[in-house]
Structures are given as C-alpha cells and as structure tokens.
Protein backbone atom coordinates (compact mmCIF):
# COMPACT_ATOMS: atom_id res chain seq x y z
CA MET A 1 -5.57 7.00 -15.36
CA LEU A 2 -1.78 6.72 -15.44
CA LEU A 3 -0.18 5.68 -12.18
CA ALA A 4 3.33 5.94 -11.00
CA VAL A 5 5.24 3.56 -8.64
CA THR A 6 6.87 5.15 -5.68
CA VAL A 7 8.90 2.34 -4.30
CA LEU A 8 8.16 -1.41 -4.63
CA THR A 9 6.68 -2.88 -1.43
CA SER A 10 9.22 -5.65 -1.57
CA ILE A 11 12.04 -3.06 -0.92
CA SER A 12 12.91 -2.42 2.68
CA SER A 13 14.51 0.69 4.06
CA ARG A 14 17.89 -1.20 4.28
CA SER A 15 17.67 -2.24 0.63
CA LEU A 16 16.84 1.33 -0.32
CA ALA A 17 19.98 2.70 1.53
CA PHE A 18 22.44 -0.04 1.06
CA GLU A 19 21.63 -1.77 -2.21
CA LEU A 20 20.12 1.01 -4.27
CA LYS A 21 22.31 3.76 -2.61
CA VAL A 22 19.41 6.08 -2.22
CA PRO A 23 20.58 8.63 0.46
CA LEU A 24 17.02 9.46 1.79
CA GLU A 25 14.84 7.75 4.45
CA MET A 26 12.06 5.74 2.82
CA LEU A 27 9.24 8.26 3.59
CA ASP A 28 11.23 11.19 2.25
CA TYR A 29 12.05 9.22 -1.01
CA VAL A 30 8.49 8.11 -1.55
CA GLN A 31 7.30 11.67 -0.93
CA GLN A 32 9.76 12.87 -3.60
CA MET A 33 8.57 10.29 -6.03
CA ALA A 34 4.84 11.30 -5.39
CA LEU A 35 5.71 14.93 -5.78
CA MET A 36 7.55 14.18 -9.10
CA ALA A 37 4.52 12.05 -10.28
CA GLN A 38 2.11 14.73 -9.49
CA ALA A 39 4.17 17.51 -11.11
CA SER A 40 4.26 15.23 -14.34
CA GLY A 41 0.52 15.10 -14.37
CA ILE A 42 0.13 11.56 -13.14
CA GLY A 43 -3.24 10.82 -11.51
CA GLY A 44 -2.05 8.47 -8.80
CA CYS A 45 0.54 6.47 -7.20
CA VAL A 46 1.17 2.80 -6.38
CA CYS A 47 2.60 2.85 -2.88
CA SER A 48 2.85 0.87 0.42
CA PRO A 49 0.08 1.55 2.65
CA LEU A 50 2.52 2.45 5.33
CA GLU A 51 3.28 5.48 3.26
CA ILE A 52 -0.37 6.78 2.56
CA GLU A 53 -0.26 9.47 5.40
CA GLY A 54 3.19 10.71 4.28
CA ILE A 55 2.05 10.94 0.60
CA ARG A 56 -1.21 12.73 1.61
CA GLN A 57 0.82 15.31 3.50
CA VAL A 58 2.42 16.46 0.25
CA CYS A 59 -0.07 15.38 -2.49
CA ASP A 60 -3.59 15.15 -1.14
CA ASP A 61 -5.27 14.70 -4.52
CA LEU A 62 -3.49 11.66 -5.94
CA VAL A 63 -5.29 8.34 -6.17
CA LEU A 64 -3.29 5.81 -4.14
CA VAL A 65 -3.38 2.19 -5.09
CA CYS A 66 -1.79 -0.01 -2.39
CA PRO A 67 -0.18 -3.41 -2.85
CA GLY A 68 1.48 -5.02 0.11
CA VAL A 69 -1.88 -5.51 1.59
CA ARG A 70 -2.09 -8.66 3.73
CA PRO A 71 -4.76 -9.99 6.05
CA ALA A 72 -3.44 -10.89 9.50
CA TRP A 73 -3.90 -14.52 8.72
CA ALA A 74 -1.79 -14.42 5.43
CA SER A 75 1.95 -14.64 5.04
CA SER A 76 3.68 -11.43 4.05
CA GLY A 77 5.97 -13.35 1.67
CA ASP A 78 8.51 -11.00 0.08
CA GLN A 79 6.54 -7.91 1.06
CA GLN A 80 8.56 -5.75 3.35
CA ARG A 81 6.03 -2.79 3.98
CA VAL A 82 2.56 -4.41 4.57
CA MET A 83 -0.76 -3.49 6.29
CA THR A 84 -4.00 -5.29 6.77
CA PRO A 85 -6.79 -4.47 4.52
CA GLY A 86 -8.86 -2.80 6.91
CA ALA A 87 -6.12 -0.61 8.29
CA ALA A 88 -4.96 0.35 4.67
CA ILE A 89 -8.53 1.59 4.03
CA GLN A 90 -8.57 3.42 7.42
CA ALA A 91 -5.30 4.95 6.43
CA GLY A 92 -6.82 6.33 3.17
CA ALA A 93 -6.08 3.91 0.42
CA ASP A 94 -8.24 4.43 -2.60
CA TYR A 95 -7.58 0.86 -3.96
CA LEU A 96 -6.17 -2.33 -2.63
CA VAL A 97 -4.24 -4.90 -4.21
CA ILE A 98 -4.46 -8.32 -2.56
CA GLY A 99 -3.00 -11.00 -4.79
CA ARG A 100 -1.42 -14.02 -3.26
CA PRO A 101 -3.59 -14.33 -0.23
CA ILE A 102 -6.52 -14.97 -2.58
CA THR A 103 -4.87 -16.60 -5.54
CA GLN A 104 -2.75 -18.97 -3.51
CA ALA A 105 -5.45 -19.88 -1.09
CA ALA A 106 -6.87 -23.35 -1.13
CA ASP A 107 -10.38 -21.77 -1.61
CA PRO A 108 -9.91 -18.30 -3.27
CA ALA A 109 -13.53 -17.38 -3.02
CA ALA A 110 -13.52 -18.14 0.70
CA ALA A 111 -10.28 -16.12 1.20
CA PHE A 112 -11.78 -13.21 -0.71
CA GLY A 113 -14.98 -13.41 1.40
CA ARG A 114 -12.97 -13.43 4.58
CA ILE A 115 -11.06 -10.39 3.53
CA CYS A 116 -14.16 -8.64 2.67
CA GLY A 117 -15.53 -9.50 6.12
CA GLU A 118 -12.54 -8.16 7.84
CA ILE A 119 -12.76 -4.87 5.98
CA GLU A 120 -16.44 -4.49 6.87
CA ALA A 121 -15.74 -5.31 10.56
CA GLY A 122 -12.87 -2.81 10.60
CA MET A 123 -14.87 -0.09 8.97
CA GLY A 124 -17.77 -0.73 11.36
CA ALA A 125 -15.37 -0.55 14.38
CA GLY A 126 -14.09 2.77 13.17
CA ARG A 127 -17.51 4.33 13.26
CA SER A 128 -19.01 4.97 16.53
C-alpha cells in the first residue's frame, strides 16, 4: 500500500504558518493533504495522532499510520504533535510508529513491553 505524508509531526502550527508560509490552520491543511491523497488513489496517510479525528471527518476509509506516538514516560524530543500509544489507538490510529522510546531505551525489550502493557490497560479501561 502506498502512503502519503500529511505534515511531519516535527512541524508545529507556528512553523507551518511562519516558516513554510502555509496560510491554513494545521487541521485544515492536513485535511486538504488527506483529501488530495485519497483523490490520487493513495491507500493511507502518515499523520499525527492529533489529526486522526479531523482526517476521518473527510476521509473515513484511509489507513492512518501515526508517528509522534510517545508513552507518557518518554521524552517527546523534536516531535511537536504527539499522543500516547493508548490514546492514539482510541482515537482511531490503524498503525503506530514508536521509534526512539524503544530504540534509545537502555532495555528496548522492556520499553516495548511497557508500551504494550499501557496499550492493553488503556484499551481495557475504554471498555465497560
């Protein structure tokens, strides 16, 4: 499946407006990029988890791959638009990209296990 990137998660609303000179609000721009991807026959988008709901409002059938996913205990680093793994799944992410919190951990396997535990706990809390 071919994926399109909406806006890098390291770009803030301020950067979009002042550095890139995009005259739209972040969500409006992301929605336009998603609509363009869908119209081009792209199967999914790489997007911030913060924009899942907005993309689903205009393109409900795209697969959404979300970087900028950080557990609460991890640094957000250069990522500007982030969400925890459990929250991203609850928001409707199809796939999560969780790199540095695992690859830069002293014990990557333990970090991965901790993230999986948080996701499972969050999913269980959402079901009542």
